[in-house]
Amino acid sequence: MARSERLLTLTQALRRRRRPVTAATLAAELQVSERTIYRDVASLQGTGVPIRGEAGIGYILEPGYDLPPLMLTPEEGEALMLGARFVRERGDPELRRIIDDAIAKIEAVLPESTRLSLREAPLYAPLYGSLPLDRISTSQMRRAVRDNRKLRIGYRDPNGQETERTVWPVLLGYFERSRVLIGFCELRQDFRTFRTDRIETIQVLEERPPLRRAVLLRQWEKHVAEQEWGRQDCASGAP
């Protein structure tokens, strides 16, 4: 790895962390020696990058520092385009337009050589066949998730039975053959997964869930982990 690329990677490694990180951890991530990390940090500090370091604690990048978009590595460009192509294949029409707008904004500030490599990134996420059609606006669901608003939905289960649910939305999942809304269902008093193509009606309520979405997300992750442990216990014959 060239030194300029290593300095950029080091800055990125610090930027993605909210807590101090030791030189040993950074050295392992960049596959260099700790002495190299010390030198590189000193070089970055000398150019004005606000890195704060304390003995025995580690380094942290001060809030507010950003890098210009043209500082995009080939690997970052490939990862970015893979995500964009995934959205184009599996997202709804509005989401596809949004990702195209975002890529266009990024391309506008890149030099020609980088812009070309971005467009020709060799990673793809093809979808064979087609996704079921949604009857409702998934953009409403995205806004409800983002704004932490309750949803009232009319849902049709696989047997064709319809129920009305009030849901505290946690996230939207985009899978190979379906899109799903994951949330806490007031009717079932538990987390549930709803396929968006089976949602007949949707209403975004003014009322907010009693918990922040970040808290709901952690609870849902714990719920999924407990279910997984339960399946493993059954498979192993545990009582």
C-alpha atoms as a PDB file:
ATOM      1  CA  MET A   1       0.000   0.000   0.000  1.00  0.00           C
ATOM      2  CA  ALA A   2       1.363   3.401  -1.001  1.00  0.00           C
ATOM      3  CA  ARG A   3       1.959   5.858   1.833  1.00  0.00           C
ATOM      4  CA  SER A   4      -0.670   8.322   0.570  1.00  0.00           C
ATOM      5  CA  GLU A   5      -3.258   5.539   0.411  1.00  0.00           C
ATOM      6  CA  ARG A   6      -2.200   4.315   3.852  1.00  0.00           C
ATOM      7  CA  LEU A   7      -2.683   7.791   5.357  1.00  0.00           C
ATOM      8  CA  LEU A   8      -6.158   7.990   3.821  1.00  0.00           C
ATOM      9  CA  THR A   9      -7.026   4.520   5.128  1.00  0.00           C
ATOM     10  CA  LEU A  10      -5.750   5.463   8.581  1.00  0.00           C
ATOM     11  CA  THR A  11      -7.884   8.617   8.599  1.00  0.00           C
ATOM     12  CA  GLN A  12     -10.919   6.595   7.548  1.00  0.00           C
ATOM     13  CA  ALA A  13     -10.246   4.026  10.263  1.00  0.00           C
ATOM     14  CA  LEU A  14     -10.252   6.803  12.857  1.00  0.00           C
ATOM     15  CA  ARG A  15     -13.295   8.530  11.381  1.00  0.00           C
ATOM     16  CA  ARG A  16     -15.497   5.447  11.589  1.00  0.00           C
ATOM     17  CA  ARG A  17     -14.831   5.061  15.328  1.00  0.00           C
ATOM     18  CA  ARG A  18     -16.480   7.060  18.066  1.00  0.00           C
ATOM     19  CA  ARG A  19     -14.138   5.901  20.820  1.00  0.00           C
ATOM     20  CA  PRO A  20     -10.338   6.057  21.113  1.00  0.00           C
ATOM     21  CA  VAL A  21      -8.512   3.243  19.326  1.00  0.00           C
ATOM     22  CA  THR A  22      -5.033   2.001  20.169  1.00  0.00           C
ATOM     23  CA  ALA A  23      -2.060   2.028  17.835  1.00  0.00           C
ATOM     24  CA  ALA A  24      -1.927  -1.767  18.121  1.00  0.00           C
ATOM     25  CA  THR A  25      -5.494  -2.092  16.818  1.00  0.00           C
ATOM     26  CA  LEU A  26      -4.807   0.310  13.955  1.00  0.00           C
ATOM     27  CA  ALA A  27      -1.562  -1.479  13.105  1.00  0.00           C
ATOM     28  CA  ALA A  28      -3.363  -4.823  12.908  1.00  0.00           C
ATOM     29  CA  GLU A  29      -6.086  -3.349  10.687  1.00  0.00           C
ATOM     30  CA  LEU A  30      -3.634  -1.700   8.287  1.00  0.00           C
ATOM     31  CA  GLN A  31      -1.147  -4.597   8.524  1.00  0.00           C
ATOM     32  CA  VAL A  32       1.765  -2.370   9.483  1.00  0.00           C
ATOM     33  CA  SER A  33       3.883  -1.925  12.605  1.00  0.00           C
ATOM     34  CA  GLU A  34       2.888   0.239  15.540  1.00  0.00           C
ATOM     35  CA  ARG A  35       5.931   2.398  14.832  1.00  0.00           C
ATOM     36  CA  THR A  36       4.484   3.120  11.370  1.00  0.00           C
ATOM     37  CA  ILE A  37       1.175   4.130  12.963  1.00  0.00           C
ATOM     38  CA  TYR A  38       2.987   6.555  15.289  1.00  0.00           C
ATOM     39  CA  ARG A  39       4.793   8.133  12.322  1.00  0.00           C
ATOM     40  CA  ASP A  40       1.669   8.318  10.176  1.00  0.00           C
ATOM     41  CA  VAL A  41      -0.405   9.886  12.950  1.00  0.00           C
ATOM     42  CA  ALA A  42       2.311  12.495  13.490  1.00  0.00           C
ATOM     43  CA  SER A  43       2.317  13.222   9.730  1.00  0.00           C
ATOM     44  CA  LEU A  44      -1.474  13.657   9.664  1.00  0.00           C
ATOM     45  CA  GLN A  45      -1.381  15.899  12.732  1.00  0.00           C
ATOM     46  CA  GLY A  46       1.309  17.966  11.009  1.00  0.00           C
ATOM     47  CA  THR A  47      -1.012  18.579   8.035  1.00  0.00           C
ATOM     48  CA  GLY A  48      -3.832  19.763  10.292  1.00  0.00           C
ATOM     49  CA  VAL A  49      -5.859  16.587  10.744  1.00  0.00           C
ATOM     50  CA  PRO A  50      -7.306  16.940  14.288  1.00  0.00           C
ATOM     51  CA  ILE A  51      -6.219  13.645  15.808  1.00  0.00           C
ATOM     52  CA  ARG A  52      -6.022  13.570  19.589  1.00  0.00           C
ATOM     53  CA  GLY A  53      -3.970  10.897  21.325  1.00  0.00           C
ATOM     54  CA  GLU A  54      -3.491   9.988  24.961  1.00  0.00           C
ATOM     55  CA  ALA A  55      -1.016   7.466  26.363  1.00  0.00           C
ATOM     56  CA  GLY A  56      -2.682   4.220  27.336  1.00  0.00           C
ATOM     57  CA  ILE A  57      -6.015   5.237  25.776  1.00  0.00           C
ATOM     58  CA  GLY A  58      -5.463   5.619  22.060  1.00  0.00           C
ATOM     59  CA  TYR A  59      -6.241   7.972  19.204  1.00  0.00           C
ATOM     60  CA  ILE A  60      -9.503   9.663  18.293  1.00  0.00           C
ATOM     61  CA  LEU A  61     -10.442  11.970  15.430  1.00  0.00           C
ATOM     62  CA  GLU A  62     -12.030  15.209  16.600  1.00  0.00           C
ATOM     63  CA  PRO A  63     -15.670  15.731  15.496  1.00  0.00           C
ATOM     64  CA  GLY A  64     -16.326  17.871  12.439  1.00  0.00           C
ATOM     65  CA  TYR A  65     -13.380  16.744  10.328  1.00  0.00           C
ATOM     66  CA  ASP A  66     -14.289  15.552   6.858  1.00  0.00           C
ATOM     67  CA  LEU A  67     -12.538  14.495   3.703  1.00  0.00           C
ATOM     68  CA  PRO A  68     -13.388  15.807   0.242  1.00  0.00           C
ATOM     69  CA  PRO A  69     -15.415  13.303  -1.818  1.00  0.00           C
ATOM     70  CA  LEU A  70     -12.662  13.013  -4.429  1.00  0.00           C
ATOM     71  CA  MET A  71     -10.600  11.111  -1.843  1.00  0.00           C
ATOM     72  CA  LEU A  72     -12.301   7.864  -2.877  1.00  0.00           C
ATOM     73  CA  THR A  73     -10.224   4.692  -3.084  1.00  0.00           C
ATOM     74  CA  PRO A  74     -10.933   2.110  -5.827  1.00  0.00           C
ATOM     75  CA  GLU A  75     -12.179  -0.347  -3.193  1.00  0.00           C
ATOM     76  CA  GLU A  76     -14.556   2.267  -1.749  1.00  0.00           C
ATOM     77  CA  GLY A  77     -15.850   3.004  -5.245  1.00  0.00           C
ATOM     78  CA  GLU A  78     -16.497  -0.691  -5.896  1.00  0.00           C
ATOM     79  CA  ALA A  79     -18.317  -1.114  -2.586  1.00  0.00           C
ATOM     80  CA  LEU A  80     -20.380   2.010  -3.272  1.00  0.00           C
ATOM     81  CA  MET A  81     -21.442   0.809  -6.724  1.00  0.00           C
ATOM     82  CA  LEU A  82     -22.246  -2.677  -5.427  1.00  0.00           C
ATOM     83  CA  GLY A  83     -24.640  -1.099  -2.928  1.00  0.00           C
ATOM     84  CA  ALA A  84     -26.124   1.166  -5.617  1.00  0.00           C
ATOM     85  CA  ARG A  85     -26.680  -1.768  -7.964  1.00  0.00           C
ATOM     86  CA  PHE A  86     -28.326  -3.741  -5.174  1.00  0.00           C
ATOM     87  CA  VAL A  87     -30.754  -0.852  -4.611  1.00  0.00           C
ATOM     88  CA  ARG A  88     -31.445  -0.534  -8.337  1.00  0.00           C
ATOM     89  CA  GLU A  89     -32.342  -4.220  -8.535  1.00  0.00           C
ATOM     90  CA  ARG A  90     -34.360  -4.552  -5.323  1.00  0.00           C
ATOM     91  CA  GLY A  91     -35.580  -1.071  -4.415  1.00  0.00           C
ATOM     92  CA  ASP A  92     -38.910   0.505  -5.299  1.00  0.00           C
ATOM     93  CA  PRO A  93     -39.024   3.101  -8.151  1.00  0.00           C
ATOM     94  CA  GLU A  94     -38.524   6.092  -5.834  1.00  0.00           C
ATOM     95  CA  LEU A  95     -35.572   4.463  -4.087  1.00  0.00           C
ATOM     96  CA  ARG A  96     -33.979   3.685  -7.463  1.00  0.00           C
ATOM     97  CA  ARG A  97     -34.318   7.331  -8.477  1.00  0.00           C
ATOM     98  CA  ILE A  98     -32.809   8.434  -5.153  1.00  0.00           C
ATOM     99  CA  ILE A  99     -29.738   6.198  -5.520  1.00  0.00           C
ATOM    100  CA  ASP A 100     -29.199   7.395  -9.101  1.00  0.00           C
ATOM    101  CA  ASP A 101     -29.337  11.006  -7.870  1.00  0.00           C
ATOM    102  CA  ALA A 102     -26.840  10.222  -5.104  1.00  0.00           C
ATOM    103  CA  ILE A 103     -24.392   8.552  -7.494  1.00  0.00           C
ATOM    104  CA  ALA A 104     -24.705  11.502  -9.893  1.00  0.00           C
ATOM    105  CA  LYS A 105     -23.794  13.907  -7.075  1.00  0.00           C
ATOM    106  CA  ILE A 106     -20.740  11.833  -6.187  1.00  0.00           C
ATOM    107  CA  GLU A 107     -19.639  11.559  -9.814  1.00  0.00           C
ATOM    108  CA  ALA A 108     -19.921  15.339 -10.229  1.00  0.00           C
ATOM    109  CA  VAL A 109     -17.063  15.972  -7.793  1.00  0.00           C
ATOM    110  CA  LEU A 110     -14.767  13.136  -8.888  1.00  0.00           C
ATOM    111  CA  PRO A 111     -11.917  13.509 -11.374  1.00  0.00           C
ATOM    112  CA  GLU A 112     -12.574  11.871 -14.746  1.00  0.00           C
ATOM    113  CA  SER A 113     -10.325   8.856 -14.113  1.00  0.00           C
ATOM    114  CA  THR A 114     -12.014   8.074 -10.785  1.00  0.00           C
ATOM    115  CA  ARG A 115     -15.466   8.692 -12.268  1.00  0.00           C
ATOM    116  CA  LEU A 116     -14.765   6.164 -15.012  1.00  0.00           C
ATOM    117  CA  SER A 117     -13.567   3.494 -12.568  1.00  0.00           C
ATOM    118  CA  LEU A 118     -16.675   4.099 -10.464  1.00  0.00           C
ATOM    119  CA  ARG A 119     -18.985   3.517 -13.426  1.00  0.00           C
ATOM    120  CA  GLU A 120     -17.051   0.418 -14.484  1.00  0.00           C
ATOM    121  CA  ALA A 121     -16.816  -1.137 -11.003  1.00  0.00           C
ATOM    122  CA  PRO A 122     -16.718  -4.928 -11.529  1.00  0.00           C
ATOM    123  CA  LEU A 123     -19.068  -5.875  -8.666  1.00  0.00           C
ATOM    124  CA  TYR A 124     -22.727  -6.640  -9.371  1.00  0.00           C
ATOM    125  CA  ALA A 125     -25.814  -7.773  -7.463  1.00  0.00           C
ATOM    126  CA  PRO A 126     -28.121  -9.237 -10.158  1.00  0.00           C
ATOM    127  CA  LEU A 127     -31.692 -10.205  -9.405  1.00  0.00           C
ATOM    128  CA  TYR A 128     -33.068 -13.084 -11.448  1.00  0.00           C
ATOM    129  CA  GLY A 129     -36.819 -12.979 -11.877  1.00  0.00           C
ATOM    130  CA  SER A 130     -38.965 -10.227 -10.375  1.00  0.00           C
ATOM    131  CA  LEU A 131     -40.082  -9.058  -6.945  1.00  0.00           C
ATOM    132  CA  PRO A 132     -43.770  -9.151  -5.936  1.00  0.00           C
ATOM    133  CA  LEU A 133     -45.558  -5.869  -6.582  1.00  0.00           C
ATOM    134  CA  ASP A 134     -46.374  -3.647  -3.605  1.00  0.00           C
ATOM    135  CA  ARG A 135     -49.886  -2.234  -3.279  1.00  0.00           C
ATOM    136  CA  ILE A 136     -48.830   0.638  -1.028  1.00  0.00           C
ATOM    137  CA  SER A 137     -46.182   3.362  -1.106  1.00  0.00           C
ATOM    138  CA  THR A 138     -43.007   2.036   0.466  1.00  0.00           C
ATOM    139  CA  SER A 139     -41.736   5.621   0.624  1.00  0.00           C
ATOM    140  CA  GLN A 140     -44.358   6.238   3.332  1.00  0.00           C
ATOM    141  CA  MET A 141     -42.918   3.356   5.309  1.00  0.00           C
ATOM    142  CA  ARG A 142     -39.382   4.657   4.913  1.00  0.00           C
ATOM    143  CA  ARG A 143     -40.435   8.060   6.210  1.00  0.00           C
ATOM    144  CA  ALA A 144     -42.274   6.482   9.147  1.00  0.00           C
ATOM    145  CA  VAL A 145     -39.178   4.466  10.064  1.00  0.00           C
ATOM    146  CA  ARG A 146     -36.942   7.511   9.704  1.00  0.00           C
ATOM    147  CA  ASP A 147     -39.300   9.824  11.659  1.00  0.00           C
ATOM    148  CA  ASN A 148     -40.129   7.188  14.312  1.00  0.00           C
ATOM    149  CA  ARG A 149     -43.897   7.240  13.700  1.00  0.00           C
ATOM    150  CA  LYS A 150     -46.372   4.475  14.357  1.00  0.00           C
ATOM    151  CA  LEU A 151     -47.944   2.771  11.349  1.00  0.00           C
ATOM    152  CA  ARG A 152     -51.463   1.400  11.021  1.00  0.00           C
ATOM    153  CA  ILE A 153     -51.521  -1.260   8.327  1.00  0.00           C
ATOM    154  CA  GLY A 154     -54.040  -3.606   6.828  1.00  0.00           C
ATOM    155  CA  TYR A 155     -52.219  -6.913   6.445  1.00  0.00           C
ATOM    156  CA  ARG A 156     -53.148 -10.057   4.531  1.00  0.00           C
ATOM    157  CA  ASP A 157     -51.473 -13.238   5.749  1.00  0.00           C
ATOM    158  CA  PRO A 158     -50.492 -16.182   3.462  1.00  0.00           C
ATOM    159  CA  ASN A 159     -53.948 -17.714   3.991  1.00  0.00           C
ATOM    160  CA  GLY A 160     -55.672 -14.556   2.769  1.00  0.00           C
ATOM    161  CA  GLN A 161     -56.938 -13.485   6.204  1.00  0.00           C
ATOM    162  CA  GLU A 162     -56.794  -9.722   6.741  1.00  0.00           C
ATOM    163  CA  THR A 163     -56.070  -7.988  10.042  1.00  0.00           C
ATOM    164  CA  GLU A 164     -55.408  -4.421  11.097  1.00  0.00           C
ATOM    165  CA  ARG A 165     -52.140  -3.871  12.956  1.00  0.00           C
ATOM    166  CA  THR A 166     -50.522  -0.916  14.683  1.00  0.00           C
ATOM    167  CA  VAL A 167     -46.775  -1.268  14.291  1.00  0.00           C
ATOM    168  CA  TRP A 168     -43.765   0.478  15.786  1.00  0.00           C
ATOM    169  CA  PRO A 169     -41.469   0.313  12.743  1.00  0.00           C
ATOM    170  CA  VAL A 170     -37.857  -0.703  13.307  1.00  0.00           C
ATOM    171  CA  LEU A 171     -36.436  -1.215   9.834  1.00  0.00           C
ATOM    172  CA  LEU A 172     -37.118  -2.283   6.251  1.00  0.00           C
ATOM    173  CA  GLY A 173     -35.385  -5.379   4.916  1.00  0.00           C
ATOM    174  CA  TYR A 174     -34.594  -5.912   1.233  1.00  0.00           C
ATOM    175  CA  PHE A 175     -34.210  -9.598   0.477  1.00  0.00           C
ATOM    176  CA  GLU A 176     -33.699 -11.635  -2.671  1.00  0.00           C
ATOM    177  CA  ARG A 177     -37.392 -12.289  -3.252  1.00  0.00           C
ATOM    178  CA  SER A 178     -39.224  -9.877  -0.974  1.00  0.00           C
ATOM    179  CA  ARG A 179     -39.199  -6.612   0.931  1.00  0.00           C
ATOM    180  CA  VAL A 180     -40.275  -6.702   4.574  1.00  0.00           C
ATOM    181  CA  LEU A 181     -41.252  -4.294   7.318  1.00  0.00           C
ATOM    182  CA  ILE A 182     -39.915  -5.301  10.733  1.00  0.00           C
ATOM    183  CA  GLY A 183     -41.522  -3.783  13.802  1.00  0.00           C
ATOM    184  CA  PHE A 184     -43.204  -4.271  17.155  1.00  0.00           C
ATOM    185  CA  CYS A 185     -46.847  -5.288  16.664  1.00  0.00           C
ATOM    186  CA  GLU A 186     -49.247  -3.934  19.286  1.00  0.00           C
ATOM    187  CA  LEU A 187     -51.768  -6.686  18.489  1.00  0.00           C
ATOM    188  CA  ARG A 188     -49.289  -9.520  19.114  1.00  0.00           C
ATOM    189  CA  GLN A 189     -47.218  -7.626  21.695  1.00  0.00           C
ATOM    190  CA  ASP A 190     -44.069  -8.873  20.022  1.00  0.00           C
ATOM    191  CA  PHE A 191     -41.804  -8.210  17.079  1.00  0.00           C
ATOM    192  CA  ARG A 192     -43.197  -9.281  13.733  1.00  0.00           C
ATOM    193  CA  THR A 193     -42.131  -9.286  10.083  1.00  0.00           C
ATOM    194  CA  PHE A 194     -44.572  -8.090   7.414  1.00  0.00           C
ATOM    195  CA  ARG A 195     -44.009  -8.633   3.701  1.00  0.00           C
ATOM    196  CA  THR A 196     -44.688  -5.331   1.968  1.00  0.00           C
ATOM    197  CA  ASP A 197     -46.544  -6.990  -0.932  1.00  0.00           C
ATOM    198  CA  ARG A 198     -49.103  -8.297   1.601  1.00  0.00           C
ATOM    199  CA  ILE A 199     -49.783  -4.874   3.118  1.00  0.00           C
ATOM    200  CA  GLU A 200     -53.125  -3.706   1.689  1.00  0.00           C
ATOM    201  CA  THR A 201     -53.361  -0.282   3.346  1.00  0.00           C
ATOM    202  CA  ILE A 202     -51.026   1.972   5.269  1.00  0.00           C
ATOM    203  CA  GLN A 203     -51.493   5.051   7.460  1.00  0.00           C
ATOM    204  CA  VAL A 204     -48.690   6.990   9.113  1.00  0.00           C
ATOM    205  CA  LEU A 205     -49.875   8.088  12.555  1.00  0.00           C
ATOM    206  CA  GLU A 206     -48.865  11.249  14.377  1.00  0.00           C
ATOM    207  CA  GLU A 207     -48.255   9.197  17.510  1.00  0.00           C
ATOM    208  CA  ARG A 208     -44.713   8.043  18.162  1.00  0.00           C
ATOM    209  CA  PRO A 209     -43.729   4.713  19.736  1.00  0.00           C
ATOM    210  CA  PRO A 210     -42.879   4.963  23.441  1.00  0.00           C
ATOM    211  CA  LEU A 211     -39.278   3.965  22.649  1.00  0.00           C
ATOM    212  CA  ARG A 212     -36.728   5.455  20.291  1.00  0.00           C
ATOM    213  CA  ARG A 213     -36.007   3.425  17.171  1.00  0.00           C
ATOM    214  CA  ALA A 214     -32.418   2.818  18.301  1.00  0.00           C
ATOM    215  CA  VAL A 215     -33.764   1.179  21.470  1.00  0.00           C
ATOM    216  CA  LEU A 216     -36.286  -0.866  19.480  1.00  0.00           C
ATOM    217  CA  LEU A 217     -33.517  -1.975  17.139  1.00  0.00           C
ATOM    218  CA  ARG A 218     -31.422  -3.275  20.039  1.00  0.00           C
ATOM    219  CA  GLN A 219     -34.446  -5.082  21.465  1.00  0.00           C
ATOM    220  CA  TRP A 220     -35.219  -6.643  18.091  1.00  0.00           C
ATOM    221  CA  GLU A 221     -31.595  -7.791  17.698  1.00  0.00           C
ATOM    222  CA  LYS A 222     -31.810  -9.399  21.157  1.00  0.00           C
ATOM    223  CA  HIS A 223     -35.119 -11.014  20.163  1.00  0.00           C
ATOM    224  CA  VAL A 224     -33.555 -12.483  17.013  1.00  0.00           C
ATOM    225  CA  ALA A 225     -30.528 -13.744  18.959  1.00  0.00           C
ATOM    226  CA  GLU A 226     -32.764 -15.457  21.531  1.00  0.00           C
ATOM    227  CA  GLN A 227     -34.751 -17.135  18.752  1.00  0.00           C
ATOM    228  CA  GLU A 228     -31.531 -18.347  17.171  1.00  0.00           C
ATOM    229  CA  TRP A 229     -30.322 -19.780  20.478  1.00  0.00           C
ATOM    230  CA  GLY A 230     -33.678 -21.509  20.862  1.00  0.00           C
ATOM    231  CA  ARG A 231     -33.370 -23.150  17.453  1.00  0.00           C
ATOM    232  CA  GLN A 232     -29.834 -24.307  18.276  1.00  0.00           C
ATOM    233  CA  ASP A 233     -31.032 -25.808  21.574  1.00  0.00           C
ATOM    234  CA  CYS A 234     -33.813 -27.710  19.781  1.00  0.00           C
ATOM    235  CA  ALA A 235     -31.373 -28.984  17.165  1.00  0.00           C
ATOM    236  CA  SER A 236     -28.965 -30.194  19.869  1.00  0.00           C
ATOM    237  CA  GLY A 237     -31.718 -31.921  21.839  1.00  0.00           C
ATOM    238  CA  ALA A 238     -31.469 -29.636  24.857  1.00  0.00           C
ATOM    239  CA  PRO A 239     -34.511 -29.780  27.173  1.00  0.00           C
END
